[in-house]
């Protein structure tokens, strides 16, 4: 049967509207018959050919399909009905449409459909990651990137930049640097924008300034040149890490290379001067801006105010605040807060309160930051009733909270010992879906310790640790001590491990402190782990106390391990420990192999049993095998004679 036969086409599905212009199937080669393949396979060949040679959909029809999908109340059905008619660039238009409207559910749905139907390109990934913003978690972003199969797409610089930028915007700058290293190893060729993105993240990580210098060096080694954006990011890093002189140096270098500084560059350098409290250089910089014809905007004036406040120039700060008000740049609370905070921290509490009252009278828009500053200031000065009163006023006046104001109010109630209010604040955080931060946990743990609610403090620290926050060593040490005193030995060890496995360096004394707690709680296996890993930081008396307790009642299967660990750490094992260990083995004949191993190990390390222990072993040799015991004890006898001779010669 030839392909052109009417009976053949009668078995095919009726063409859809979008295929209505296809009337026949042409084959450029000879006539193919069904004898060449099975009927099902032949049908697939035809279907594939037809689908790949559809009549092009007009631009008007595609625009109509795009509009229908964008306006549809049933997105899944609309995609199923019209998606096949659209090109990748059309789908990207739809993706950006939902992204700009911040409709992330639809954004996700469209992107998922694009992936499933292989209608996706570089711009698709870049747009999706950009518009998802903070809704795309660090884990999801890294997983999505690793799942990209197309290498040319995966290592496209625009795609890589989008994922790196997403991580940085989500506060995961260190993760972005790790992913960047992996990307380069696998084939990424970074561009200037890549380095600008990573430099911006360096402003928010520990040691970020030195990481930034490494990136700049790498950028230049790759034959790239710094541009105004890269310099802006670098200046921001210098300001964040208080590298005032370096910021000034790079600012000048940027100008020398022909880049004209803009308001952002000047603002970053002003921030660096504020960290250095260098108001003289800040004022020179302002004059330079005016000479360059740049308009001093709200950001510049506010940053200059910060410089004056940090420099302790409160009269100048007040004058500048009035200028800000006259220019209409003080309609929100930030400028007032800068001055209030500086006054309060410099001991001028009454003046700070005066600025706060003035702000309230003028009905300046507030998000609660001004309240948090004054509540914290009252708490620091011991004026707990004033702090509590202001916290209550905020609760009555406003129906919105953020973590800063909640922490300030929580601190006020904790210092005043108002448990009911503390619980109320915690409930408000839950009701408002506000996640506690590092400061919240520290406030609560200190409060619970103060109230002698040590187990509650422990559970709070567990929660803190599970959320990825690293506790302070001082707080941990205090909690470990109190948990140990109240008999919560395993909880104390858990806190020790939280601190131990964090990135912080802990004091050597803590290892010995937890060892005593574990011995008191009979948690000898855990104590063994502490000794094995930190024997060099633990005193000989503490090691001796542990080893005696372990030989008497520790896990008998670990006795030899303990002996070996002590020997490896340089601690001399005395005869008492060997006596205790051997007595434990003799009481358990089924541990024959462990006893024989110990007897064999001792002479090799220069140890020998004494006569009383030898007699005890001989008395029970029938339990372990006379021949094996005799061979082991002969080596001990030789070692004893050598030790005795050495001792006599020493005399």
Foldseek 3Di string as FASTA:
>chain_A
DFQQDPVNCVPDDDDDPQQVVDDGDDDPDDTDDCVVDPPVVVVVVVVVVDLVDGDQDDPVVLVVLLVCCLPDPDNVVSCVVRVSNDALVSLLVSLLVCLVVLVLVVNVVSLVVCVVVVRYALSNLLSSLVSCALVQDLVNLVVVLVPDDDPCSSQDQSNLQSSLLSCLSNLNLVVSVVVVVVSVVSPHDYAQSSLLSSLLSLLRDVVSLVVNVVSVVVCVVSVYDDAQSSLLSNLLSCLSVLVLVVLVVSVVVNVVVPHDDAPSSLLSNLSSLLSVLNLVVNVVSVVVCVVVVHDQDLSSLLSSLSSCLSNVVLVVSVVSVVVCVVVVSQLACSSLQSSLLSCLVVPNLVVSVVSVVVCVVVVRHYPQSSLLSNLQSCVVVVVLVVSQVSLVVCVVPDDDDAQSNLLSNLLSCLSVVPVVVNVVSVVSCVVNVYDHDPSNLVSVLVSCVVVVVLVVSLVSVVVCVVVPHQDDQVSLLSSLVSCLVVLVLVSNVVSVVSNVPDPDDHDLVSLLVNLVSCVVNVVLVSSLVSCLVRVVSYDLVSLVSSLVSCLQDNDLVCNVVSVVSCVVSPHDDDQVSVLSNLVVCLVPLVCLVVNLVVLQVQVVSLHAHDPVSLVVCCVSVVSNPVVSSVVSNVSRVVSVVVVVVVVVVVD
